[in-house]
Amino acid sequence: DLDGTSGALILYSTRVDAFDEVDAALLDLYVTAASRAVRDWSRYRRTREHVEQLRTALASRAVIDQAKGIVMALRGVDAEEAFALLVAQSQQQNVKLRDIAEGVVDTAVDAAHPR
């Protein structure tokens, strides 16, 4: 089992004792290389997922900071209070903080630039 990934290599022969020590040694080399490749792929996949999570977090932080600034300007509160207000709204509505922040920013942009 390699990080949730498993596999099996099953060899059959129509003859008894068809595989000798050389076959076993070659098979061991093959299995070692294959398991290394699977481990490396798994590590690569986890790293890519982590990078995507970091990108999402950075984008979320930017919009949350923008929303905090808007709340600070509209409500006359400091950054800590603005963040607390956004968090409270997120919890009351059971909506992700990032989504609340996007709504605040979108509303402010729409108000500043009516169509």
Protein backbone atom coordinates (compact mmCIF):
# COMPACT_ATOMS: atom_id res chain seq x y z
CA ASP A 1 0.00 0.00 0.00
CA LEU A 2 1.60 3.25 -1.15
CA ASP A 3 -0.31 6.24 0.18
CA GLY A 4 -3.69 4.77 -0.71
CA THR A 5 -2.38 3.17 -3.89
CA SER A 6 -1.91 -0.57 -4.04
CA GLY A 7 -1.12 -3.08 -6.67
CA ALA A 8 -0.18 -6.66 -7.28
CA LEU A 9 2.00 -8.51 -9.71
CA ILE A 10 0.86 -12.07 -10.22
CA LEU A 11 2.83 -14.49 -12.37
CA TYR A 12 1.51 -17.81 -13.61
CA SER A 13 3.18 -20.72 -15.30
CA THR A 14 1.93 -23.96 -16.69
CA ARG A 15 5.03 -25.68 -15.29
CA VAL A 16 5.95 -26.43 -11.69
CA ASP A 17 9.05 -24.51 -10.55
CA ALA A 18 9.03 -22.48 -13.77
CA PHE A 19 10.80 -19.53 -12.16
CA ASP A 20 14.38 -19.82 -10.98
CA GLU A 21 16.59 -17.57 -8.84
CA VAL A 22 17.50 -15.35 -11.82
CA ASP A 23 13.82 -14.82 -12.55
CA ALA A 24 13.23 -13.93 -8.91
CA ALA A 25 16.13 -11.45 -8.91
CA LEU A 26 14.91 -9.81 -12.12
CA LEU A 27 11.39 -9.66 -10.76
CA ASP A 28 12.67 -8.05 -7.57
CA LEU A 29 14.42 -5.35 -9.64
CA TYR A 30 11.28 -4.77 -11.67
CA VAL A 31 9.04 -4.53 -8.60
CA THR A 32 11.48 -2.13 -6.92
CA ALA A 33 11.48 0.16 -9.97
CA ALA A 34 7.71 -0.03 -10.39
CA SER A 35 6.98 0.70 -6.73
CA ARG A 36 9.40 3.65 -6.84
CA ALA A 37 7.58 5.03 -9.88
CA VAL A 38 4.21 4.67 -8.14
CA ARG A 39 5.58 6.36 -4.99
CA ASP A 40 7.05 9.21 -7.04
CA TRP A 41 3.79 9.69 -8.94
CA SER A 42 1.86 9.72 -5.69
CA ARG A 43 4.23 12.32 -4.23
CA TYR A 44 3.94 14.43 -7.40
CA ARG A 45 0.13 14.25 -7.28
CA ARG A 46 0.05 15.29 -3.59
CA THR A 47 2.42 18.17 -4.31
CA ARG A 48 0.25 19.41 -7.18
CA GLU A 49 -2.83 19.28 -4.96
CA HIS A 50 -0.97 21.21 -2.26
CA VAL A 51 0.09 23.87 -4.78
CA GLU A 52 -3.53 24.28 -5.91
CA GLN A 53 -4.66 24.62 -2.30
CA LEU A 54 -2.04 27.31 -1.73
CA ARG A 55 -3.15 29.18 -4.86
CA THR A 56 -6.74 29.08 -3.67
CA ALA A 57 -5.69 30.28 -0.22
CA LEU A 58 -3.74 33.20 -1.69
CA ALA A 59 -6.65 34.20 -3.90
CA SER A 60 -9.02 33.90 -0.93
CA ARG A 61 -6.76 36.02 1.23
CA ALA A 62 -6.69 38.80 -1.35
CA VAL A 63 -10.48 39.01 -1.62
CA ILE A 64 -10.87 38.75 2.17
CA ASP A 65 -8.40 41.62 2.62
CA GLN A 66 -10.33 43.67 0.05
CA ALA A 67 -13.60 42.97 1.86
CA LYS A 68 -12.01 43.92 5.20
CA GLY A 69 -10.95 47.25 3.70
CA ILE A 70 -14.46 47.90 2.40
CA VAL A 71 -16.03 47.03 5.77
CA MET A 72 -13.47 49.25 7.53
CA ALA A 73 -14.34 52.18 5.27
CA LEU A 74 -18.12 51.71 5.46
CA ARG A 75 -18.40 50.88 9.16
CA GLY A 76 -15.50 52.94 10.53
CA VAL A 77 -13.95 49.96 12.30
CA ASP A 78 -10.39 48.65 12.46
CA ALA A 79 -9.10 45.61 10.55
CA GLU A 80 -9.68 43.22 13.44
CA GLU A 81 -13.30 44.30 13.89
CA ALA A 82 -13.92 44.19 10.13
CA PHE A 83 -12.61 40.63 10.00
CA ALA A 84 -14.74 39.66 12.99
CA LEU A 85 -17.84 41.06 11.24
CA LEU A 86 -17.09 39.06 8.10
CA VAL A 87 -16.50 35.89 10.13
CA ALA A 88 -19.75 36.43 12.04
CA GLN A 89 -21.70 36.83 8.80
CA SER A 90 -20.03 33.72 7.41
CA GLN A 91 -21.04 31.70 10.46
CA GLN A 92 -24.58 33.09 10.60
CA GLN A 93 -25.22 32.29 6.95
CA ASN A 94 -23.18 29.07 7.01
CA VAL A 95 -21.27 30.28 3.95
CA LYS A 96 -17.51 30.17 3.40
CA LEU A 97 -15.71 33.33 4.44
CA ARG A 98 -14.23 33.63 0.94
CA ASP A 99 -17.73 33.65 -0.57
CA ILE A 100 -18.92 36.31 1.90
CA ALA A 101 -15.88 38.42 1.04
CA GLU A 102 -16.50 38.04 -2.70
CA GLY A 103 -20.08 39.21 -2.16
CA VAL A 104 -18.93 42.30 -0.26
CA VAL A 105 -16.39 43.16 -2.96
CA ASP A 106 -18.88 42.56 -5.79
CA THR A 107 -21.50 44.73 -4.07
CA ALA A 108 -18.98 47.52 -3.56
CA VAL A 109 -17.84 47.36 -7.18
CA ASP A 110 -21.44 47.35 -8.43
CA ALA A 111 -22.25 50.35 -6.21
CA ALA A 112 -19.19 52.25 -7.44
CA HIS A 113 -19.82 51.44 -11.10
CA PRO A 114 -23.56 51.05 -11.74
CA ARG A 115 -24.46 49.64 -15.12
